[in-house]
Amino acid sequence: MTAEPNLYIPPRDGAEWADLAPAEAGFDPARLQAAIDFAKASESSWPRSLYYPDGRYVGIVEWNESGPWSEIAGPVRERGGPAGLVLKGGRRVAEWGETDRTDMTFSIAKSYLAVVAGLAFDDGLIRDVDEPVRATVDDAFFASPHNAPITWRHLLQQSSEWQGELFGKSDQVDHFRQIGPGADNSRKGEKRALNPAGTYYEYNDVRVNLLGYCLLQRFRRPLPEILRERVMDPIGASDRWEWQGYRNSWVDIDGRSMQSVPGGGHWGGGLFIGARDHARFGLMVARGGLWGSRRILSDAWVKAMLTPSPTLGNYGYLWWLNRGAAAKPDLPASVFSALGAGTNVIWADPDHDLVVVLRWIDKSAADGFFSRLVGALR
């Protein structure tokens, strides 16, 4: 849906967020509470310190990673417990846990990166998503014959097949990587033959981090500054969130040292943020880039961002879609989500002006929560 300017929007952080009783929001109260109780009882199996007793970082264990590129390069902080919100029409229908706590959010940062890319597009810094990146980012990263054809669209859809090393991490670290239920990462990190740009999907954090670096080169300002100024402050978010890079991801631009930020917490760093701020962000995207009468992001970019990729039918520009072979038939095709390990979720059903944030649920229980949630709708 494209939002109407007179729809309710939450006030700035610290002011009273309007509530809506579950029955008024179209939920069976008892069944909604059962879904929430299920989420609370299904906490992520990850240790709250994010390190196992033997000293291994959770992400390295999760993705079966070892070898020369597995060093943790960014900050890591202890996480909180299960938390979440359910919004209907922007109003709170339910809330649980520490929703103001600024925890790591892992690959949800990718979806924020897609919105920052949209700002670059709206500003004309990305002239055409199908233009090779090298046309406006004069960098050796795109000098080879293999990398030269890579476009912004390829980076946004994770089909770039870029080859190289960025901030001490090689693209090879995520070769053969799998995510989601039944993922088999027994071959992760094995070198494989690369395909032409735009023909092969691979969930690869080094290549996503390259997108962040390229956007930094186009804006010539730190991306956290852009996000705060253009998105988070206008939607009334808190001032407590942070976007942290790696200790070796500082670059010099126009005489100023700036930190390139990653699209997740694979090697530490990334977006540290609370569930309430996630909810505001998800609501803005679900309403087509509008926040009340203020346009944050162009409607054209939101539509493109949520359009299925040719190499993966349930993926857009760094957002997950309820489309393609993986679509859940009990949900509208318009449903989309931002997903991060742990498990962290921003889930939106724009057709019903419904936004849900889910934090630190076991990955095997996430589908069960959303099945219960949808089943609670009358």
Protein backbone atom coordinates (compact mmCIF):
# COMPACT_ATOMS: atom_id res chain seq x y z
CA MET A 1 0.00 0.00 0.00
CA THR A 2 1.01 3.65 -0.38
CA ALA A 3 0.30 5.49 2.84
CA GLU A 4 -2.26 8.23 3.20
CA PRO A 5 -0.77 11.32 4.84
CA ASN A 6 -3.44 11.38 7.56
CA LEU A 7 -2.64 7.89 8.87
CA TYR A 8 -1.45 7.72 12.46
CA ILE A 9 2.30 7.85 13.01
CA PRO A 10 4.00 7.32 16.37
CA PRO A 11 5.27 10.49 18.08
CA ARG A 12 8.95 11.11 18.64
CA ASP A 13 10.87 8.80 20.95
CA GLY A 14 9.97 9.49 24.57
CA ALA A 15 6.39 10.59 23.87
CA GLU A 16 3.37 8.35 24.44
CA TRP A 17 2.81 5.81 21.65
CA ALA A 18 -0.89 5.24 21.07
CA ASP A 19 -2.25 1.79 21.87
CA LEU A 20 -4.96 -0.21 20.14
CA ALA A 21 -6.76 -3.08 21.85
CA PRO A 22 -6.20 -6.44 20.10
CA ALA A 23 -9.92 -6.88 19.37
CA GLU A 24 -10.09 -3.43 17.76
CA ALA A 25 -7.05 -4.32 15.67
CA GLY A 26 -8.78 -7.44 14.36
CA PHE A 27 -7.04 -10.01 16.57
CA ASP A 28 -8.48 -12.66 18.80
CA PRO A 29 -6.93 -11.47 22.10
CA ALA A 30 -6.35 -14.94 23.54
CA ARG A 31 -4.75 -16.27 20.37
CA LEU A 32 -2.55 -13.20 20.01
CA GLN A 33 -1.39 -13.63 23.60
CA ALA A 34 -0.65 -17.29 22.86
CA ALA A 35 1.59 -16.22 19.97
CA ILE A 36 3.44 -13.79 22.22
CA ASP A 37 3.81 -16.38 24.96
CA PHE A 38 5.23 -18.75 22.34
CA ALA A 39 7.83 -16.13 21.34
CA LYS A 40 8.80 -15.52 24.96
CA ALA A 41 9.21 -19.25 25.58
CA SER A 42 11.26 -19.79 22.40
CA GLU A 43 14.32 -17.72 23.14
CA SER A 44 17.29 -17.96 20.80
CA SER A 45 19.76 -20.67 21.73
CA TRP A 46 22.60 -18.19 21.34
CA PRO A 47 24.37 -17.34 24.62
CA ARG A 48 23.54 -13.83 25.77
CA SER A 49 27.23 -12.89 25.73
CA LEU A 50 27.28 -13.88 22.03
CA TYR A 51 30.33 -16.00 22.83
CA TYR A 52 30.30 -19.69 23.70
CA PRO A 53 32.19 -20.87 26.80
CA ASP A 54 35.10 -21.97 24.60
CA GLY A 55 35.50 -18.38 23.37
CA ARG A 56 33.98 -18.81 19.90
CA TYR A 57 31.74 -16.04 18.55
CA VAL A 58 28.19 -17.20 17.79
CA GLY A 59 28.24 -16.16 14.14
CA ILE A 60 31.40 -18.12 13.41
CA VAL A 61 29.79 -21.22 14.91
CA GLU A 62 26.43 -20.58 13.18
CA TRP A 63 28.06 -20.46 9.74
CA ASN A 64 30.73 -23.12 10.33
CA GLU A 65 33.47 -20.62 9.66
CA SER A 66 37.17 -21.04 10.26
CA GLY A 67 40.40 -20.03 8.62
CA PRO A 68 42.09 -16.76 7.73
CA TRP A 69 38.97 -14.59 7.39
CA SER A 70 37.14 -15.47 10.60
CA GLU A 71 38.69 -12.84 12.88
CA ILE A 72 36.17 -10.63 14.70
CA ALA A 73 36.92 -7.07 13.58
CA GLY A 74 34.08 -5.01 15.08
CA PRO A 75 32.50 -4.53 18.51
CA VAL A 76 30.31 -7.24 20.06
CA ARG A 77 27.93 -6.63 22.96
CA GLU A 78 25.84 -8.87 25.17
CA ARG A 79 22.26 -9.26 23.95
CA GLY A 80 18.97 -9.00 25.81
CA GLY A 81 16.09 -11.45 25.97
CA PRO A 82 13.08 -12.00 23.73
CA ALA A 83 11.31 -8.78 22.78
CA GLY A 84 8.87 -7.53 20.19
CA LEU A 85 6.06 -5.28 19.07
CA VAL A 86 2.92 -5.66 17.00
CA LEU A 87 1.63 -2.51 15.27
CA LYS A 88 -1.69 -2.09 13.51
CA GLY A 89 -2.22 1.20 11.77
CA GLY A 90 0.94 2.39 13.49
CA ARG A 91 -0.57 1.87 16.95
CA ARG A 92 0.77 -0.64 19.48
CA VAL A 93 -1.35 -3.74 19.78
CA ALA A 94 1.22 -5.66 21.80
CA GLU A 95 4.70 -5.15 23.20
CA TRP A 96 6.97 -7.40 25.25
CA GLY A 97 10.54 -7.45 26.51
CA GLU A 98 13.09 -4.64 26.46
CA THR A 99 12.02 -2.91 23.25
CA ASP A 100 14.27 0.11 23.88
CA ARG A 101 17.41 -1.98 24.34
CA THR A 102 20.06 -1.34 21.65
CA ASP A 103 21.18 -4.82 20.68
CA MET A 104 23.07 -6.09 17.67
CA THR A 105 20.70 -6.88 14.84
CA PHE A 106 22.93 -8.71 12.35
CA SER A 107 21.63 -8.82 8.76
CA ILE A 108 18.66 -6.55 9.33
CA ALA A 109 21.35 -3.95 8.66
CA LYS A 110 21.27 -5.05 5.01
CA SER A 111 17.73 -3.73 4.67
CA TYR A 112 18.79 -0.41 6.19
CA LEU A 113 21.62 -0.34 3.65
CA ALA A 114 19.03 -0.80 0.88
CA VAL A 115 17.15 2.26 2.15
CA VAL A 116 20.38 4.31 2.20
CA ALA A 117 20.96 3.16 -1.40
CA GLY A 118 17.47 4.47 -2.14
CA LEU A 119 18.43 7.88 -0.80
CA ALA A 120 21.47 7.83 -3.11
CA PHE A 121 19.15 6.96 -6.00
CA ASP A 122 16.68 9.70 -5.08
CA ASP A 123 19.57 12.20 -4.90
CA GLY A 124 20.91 11.18 -8.30
CA LEU A 125 24.10 9.72 -6.81
CA ILE A 126 23.04 6.41 -8.33
CA ARG A 127 21.91 7.45 -11.79
CA ASP A 128 20.71 4.04 -12.92
CA VAL A 129 20.78 0.78 -10.95
CA ASP A 130 21.85 -0.97 -14.15
CA GLU A 131 24.86 1.27 -14.65
CA PRO A 132 28.20 -0.36 -13.76
CA VAL A 133 29.35 0.80 -10.36
CA ARG A 134 32.77 1.67 -11.79
CA ALA A 135 31.14 4.50 -13.78
CA THR A 136 30.80 6.55 -10.59
CA VAL A 137 33.07 4.75 -8.10
CA ASP A 138 36.59 5.06 -9.45
CA ASP A 139 38.21 2.26 -7.51
CA ALA A 140 40.49 -0.69 -8.17
CA PHE A 141 37.79 -2.95 -6.72
CA PHE A 142 36.11 -2.87 -10.16
CA ALA A 143 39.19 -2.83 -12.37
CA SER A 144 39.33 -6.50 -13.31
CA PRO A 145 37.46 -7.81 -16.37
CA HIS A 146 35.36 -9.99 -14.05
CA ASN A 147 34.34 -7.15 -11.73
CA ALA A 148 33.98 -4.37 -14.29
CA PRO A 149 30.40 -5.24 -15.42
CA ILE A 150 28.97 -5.27 -11.85
CA THR A 151 26.04 -2.89 -11.46
CA TRP A 152 24.31 -1.41 -8.43
CA ARG A 153 21.42 -3.81 -9.02
CA HIS A 154 23.78 -6.78 -8.79
CA LEU A 155 25.12 -5.58 -5.43
CA LEU A 156 21.59 -4.91 -4.13
CA GLN A 157 20.30 -8.33 -5.20
CA GLN A 158 23.39 -10.25 -4.02
CA SER A 159 24.13 -11.50 -7.52
CA SER A 160 27.31 -9.52 -8.20
CA GLU A 161 29.79 -12.43 -7.92
CA TRP A 162 32.39 -9.78 -7.08
CA GLN A 163 35.85 -11.20 -6.51
CA GLY A 164 38.37 -9.65 -4.17
CA GLU A 165 39.23 -8.70 -0.63
CA LEU A 166 37.74 -5.88 1.45
CA PHE A 167 38.93 -4.88 4.92
CA GLY A 168 40.83 -8.15 5.27
CA LYS A 169 37.90 -10.40 4.24
CA SER A 170 37.86 -12.28 0.93
CA ASP A 171 34.66 -12.94 -1.00
CA GLN A 172 35.66 -16.61 -0.78
CA VAL A 173 34.72 -16.71 2.92
CA ASP A 174 31.03 -16.98 1.97
CA HIS A 175 31.33 -19.24 -1.07
CA PHE A 176 28.81 -22.10 -0.76
CA ARG A 177 27.13 -20.33 2.17
CA GLN A 178 23.55 -21.33 2.91
CA ILE A 179 21.03 -19.69 5.23
CA GLY A 180 17.62 -20.58 6.55
CA PRO A 181 16.07 -23.88 7.68
CA GLY A 182 18.14 -26.90 6.70
CA ALA A 183 21.19 -24.84 5.73
CA ASP A 184 24.26 -26.95 5.03
CA ASN A 185 27.45 -24.96 5.48
CA SER A 186 29.81 -27.93 5.41
CA ARG A 187 31.46 -26.49 2.28
CA LYS A 188 31.33 -22.83 3.28
CA GLY A 189 34.56 -21.06 2.40
CA GLU A 190 35.66 -23.54 -0.25
CA LYS A 191 36.72 -21.71 -3.39
CA ARG A 192 34.36 -22.16 -6.34
CA ALA A 193 34.30 -20.99 -9.94
CA LEU A 194 32.57 -17.61 -10.24
CA ASN A 195 29.70 -16.81 -12.60
CA PRO A 196 29.04 -13.70 -14.67
CA ALA A 197 27.56 -10.81 -12.70
CA GLY A 198 23.79 -10.95 -12.38
CA THR A 199 23.41 -14.68 -13.04
CA TYR A 200 23.94 -16.29 -9.62
CA TYR A 201 22.63 -15.52 -6.14
CA GLU A 202 24.91 -15.92 -3.14
CA TYR A 203 24.41 -14.57 0.37
CA ASN A 204 27.83 -13.00 0.75
CA ASP A 205 28.64 -10.48 3.48
CA VAL A 206 31.86 -9.24 1.91
CA ARG A 207 29.97 -8.19 -1.22
CA VAL A 208 27.27 -6.48 0.85
CA ASN A 209 29.99 -4.63 2.74
CA LEU A 210 31.34 -3.55 -0.65
CA LEU A 211 27.95 -1.95 -1.36
CA GLY A 212 28.29 0.02 1.88
CA TYR A 213 31.78 1.13 0.88
CA CYS A 214 30.54 2.23 -2.58
CA LEU A 215 27.68 4.21 -1.06
CA LEU A 216 30.19 5.91 1.25
CA GLN A 217 32.19 6.87 -1.82
CA ARG A 218 29.11 8.37 -3.47
CA PHE A 219 27.77 10.28 -0.45
CA ARG A 220 31.27 11.19 0.76
CA ARG A 221 29.82 11.28 4.24
CA PRO A 222 29.52 8.47 6.82
CA LEU A 223 26.41 6.40 6.19
CA PRO A 224 25.29 6.55 9.86
CA GLU A 225 25.12 10.35 9.46
CA ILE A 226 23.02 9.99 6.33
CA LEU A 227 20.68 7.47 7.96
CA ARG A 228 20.23 9.59 11.08
CA GLU A 229 19.66 12.84 9.22
CA ARG A 230 17.46 11.55 6.40
CA VAL A 231 15.55 8.67 8.01
CA MET A 232 15.83 8.04 11.72
CA ASP A 233 15.44 11.59 13.03
CA PRO A 234 12.50 12.36 10.70
CA ILE A 235 10.64 9.20 11.84
CA GLY A 236 11.19 10.10 15.49
CA ALA A 237 13.63 7.32 16.33
CA SER A 238 15.75 7.35 19.46
CA ASP A 239 19.28 8.71 19.58
CA ARG A 240 20.56 5.47 21.08
CA TRP A 241 21.14 3.39 17.94
CA GLU A 242 24.63 3.01 16.44
CA TRP A 243 26.07 1.68 13.19
CA GLN A 244 29.58 0.40 13.86
CA GLY A 245 32.23 -0.69 11.39
CA TYR A 246 35.48 -2.62 11.75
CA ARG A 247 38.68 -1.37 13.35
CA ASN A 248 40.30 -1.56 9.89
CA SER A 249 37.39 -0.15 7.82
CA TRP A 250 38.42 3.50 8.10
CA VAL A 251 39.00 5.26 4.78
CA ASP A 252 40.10 8.79 3.89
CA ILE A 253 37.64 10.80 1.80
CA ASP A 254 38.27 14.45 0.98
CA GLY A 255 40.72 14.68 3.86
CA ARG A 256 38.32 13.23 6.43
CA SER A 257 38.66 9.80 8.02
CA MET A 258 35.36 7.90 7.76
CA GLN A 259 34.38 4.39 8.82
CA SER A 260 32.76 2.18 6.22
CA VAL A 261 29.95 0.25 7.90
CA PRO A 262 28.90 -3.36 7.23
CA GLY A 263 25.55 -4.92 6.40
CA GLY A 264 25.52 -7.12 9.48
CA GLY A 265 27.41 -8.44 12.50
CA HIS A 266 29.15 -11.38 10.81
CA TRP A 267 32.52 -10.20 12.15
CA GLY A 268 31.15 -7.90 14.84
CA GLY A 269 29.93 -4.36 14.37
CA GLY A 270 26.84 -3.52 12.37
CA LEU A 271 23.63 -1.93 13.58
CA PHE A 272 22.98 -1.74 17.31
CA ILE A 273 19.34 -0.72 17.72
CA GLY A 274 16.12 -1.22 19.67
CA ALA A 275 12.90 -2.92 18.62
CA ARG A 276 10.89 0.31 18.76
CA ASP A 277 13.23 2.00 16.30
CA HIS A 278 12.97 -1.07 14.05
CA ALA A 279 9.18 -0.77 14.19
CA ARG A 280 9.26 2.86 13.05
CA PHE A 281 11.62 1.97 10.21
CA GLY A 282 9.44 -0.95 9.09
CA LEU A 283 6.31 1.20 9.22
CA MET A 284 7.90 3.83 7.00
CA VAL A 285 8.84 1.25 4.37
CA ALA A 286 5.46 -0.50 4.62
CA ARG A 287 3.78 2.85 3.90
CA GLY A 288 5.69 3.33 0.69
CA GLY A 289 8.39 5.62 2.05
CA LEU A 290 6.02 8.11 3.70
CA TRP A 291 5.99 9.25 7.31
CA GLY A 292 2.72 11.08 7.67
CA SER A 293 2.86 13.77 4.99
CA ARG A 294 6.66 13.70 4.76
CA ARG A 295 8.32 11.66 2.06
CA ILE A 296 11.40 9.85 3.33
CA LEU A 297 12.05 7.56 0.38
CA SER A 298 10.61 7.65 -3.12
CA ASP A 299 7.70 5.38 -3.87
CA ALA A 300 9.56 4.24 -7.00
CA TRP A 301 12.50 3.02 -4.91
CA VAL A 302 10.29 1.21 -2.40
CA LYS A 303 8.53 -0.62 -5.23
CA ALA A 304 11.84 -1.57 -6.85
CA MET A 305 13.29 -2.62 -3.49
CA LEU A 306 10.38 -5.02 -2.94
CA THR A 307 10.37 -6.50 -6.47
CA PRO A 308 11.55 -10.14 -6.81
CA SER A 309 15.08 -10.65 -8.11
CA PRO A 310 15.66 -12.74 -11.24
CA THR A 311 18.14 -14.96 -9.37
CA LEU A 312 16.00 -15.49 -6.23
CA GLY A 313 12.24 -15.09 -6.32
CA ASN A 314 11.83 -14.29 -2.62
CA TYR A 315 14.52 -11.59 -2.52
CA GLY A 316 14.44 -7.95 -3.56
CA TYR A 317 17.03 -5.29 -2.80
CA LEU A 318 18.30 -6.81 0.48
CA TRP A 319 14.73 -7.46 1.71
CA TRP A 320 13.02 -10.86 1.90
CA LEU A 321 9.69 -11.25 0.09
CA ASN A 322 6.76 -13.64 0.30
CA ARG A 323 7.13 -14.48 -3.36
CA GLY A 324 8.50 -17.22 -5.59
CA ALA A 325 8.82 -20.89 -4.73
CA ALA A 326 9.37 -20.11 -1.02
CA ALA A 327 6.16 -18.09 -0.65
CA LYS A 328 3.86 -19.02 2.23
CA PRO A 329 0.35 -19.40 0.76
CA ASP A 330 -1.40 -18.32 3.98
CA LEU A 331 0.23 -14.86 3.79
CA PRO A 332 -0.38 -12.04 1.29
CA ALA A 333 2.14 -11.78 -1.54
CA SER A 334 2.88 -8.23 -0.37
CA VAL A 335 4.42 -9.39 2.94
CA PHE A 336 8.13 -8.59 3.25
CA SER A 337 10.73 -8.75 5.99
CA ALA A 338 14.20 -7.83 7.12
CA LEU A 339 15.96 -10.79 8.74
CA GLY A 340 18.97 -11.03 11.00
CA ALA A 341 20.66 -13.96 12.68
CA GLY A 342 19.77 -14.55 16.22
CA THR A 343 16.81 -14.45 15.18
CA ASN A 344 15.78 -10.81 14.59
CA VAL A 345 12.91 -9.84 12.29
CA ILE A 346 11.09 -6.79 10.95
CA TRP A 347 7.95 -8.17 9.29
CA ALA A 348 5.41 -6.09 7.39
CA ASP A 349 2.04 -6.72 5.78
CA PRO A 350 1.41 -3.41 3.99
CA ASP A 351 -2.01 -4.50 2.71
CA HIS A 352 -3.23 -4.56 6.33
CA ASP A 353 -0.93 -1.79 7.70
CA LEU A 354 0.57 -4.37 10.04
CA VAL A 355 4.18 -4.29 11.26
CA VAL A 356 5.82 -6.76 13.65
CA VAL A 357 9.27 -6.74 15.22
CA LEU A 358 10.57 -9.96 16.71
CA ARG A 359 13.87 -10.23 18.59
CA TRP A 360 15.91 -13.18 19.86
CA ILE A 361 13.57 -16.05 19.04
CA ASP A 362 15.02 -19.44 18.17
CA LYS A 363 15.35 -19.76 14.41
CA SER A 364 13.30 -22.97 14.44
CA ALA A 365 10.39 -21.12 16.12
CA ALA A 366 10.08 -17.99 13.97
CA ASP A 367 7.69 -19.55 11.44
CA GLY A 368 5.64 -20.93 14.33
CA PHE A 369 5.26 -17.46 15.81
CA PHE A 370 4.09 -15.92 12.54
CA SER A 371 1.69 -18.80 11.89
CA ARG A 372 0.18 -18.17 15.32
CA LEU A 373 0.10 -14.43 14.71
CA VAL A 374 -1.70 -14.75 11.39
CA GLY A 375 -3.99 -17.37 12.92
CA ALA A 376 -4.97 -14.83 15.57
CA LEU A 377 -6.34 -12.44 12.96
CA ARG A 378 -10.12 -12.59 12.69
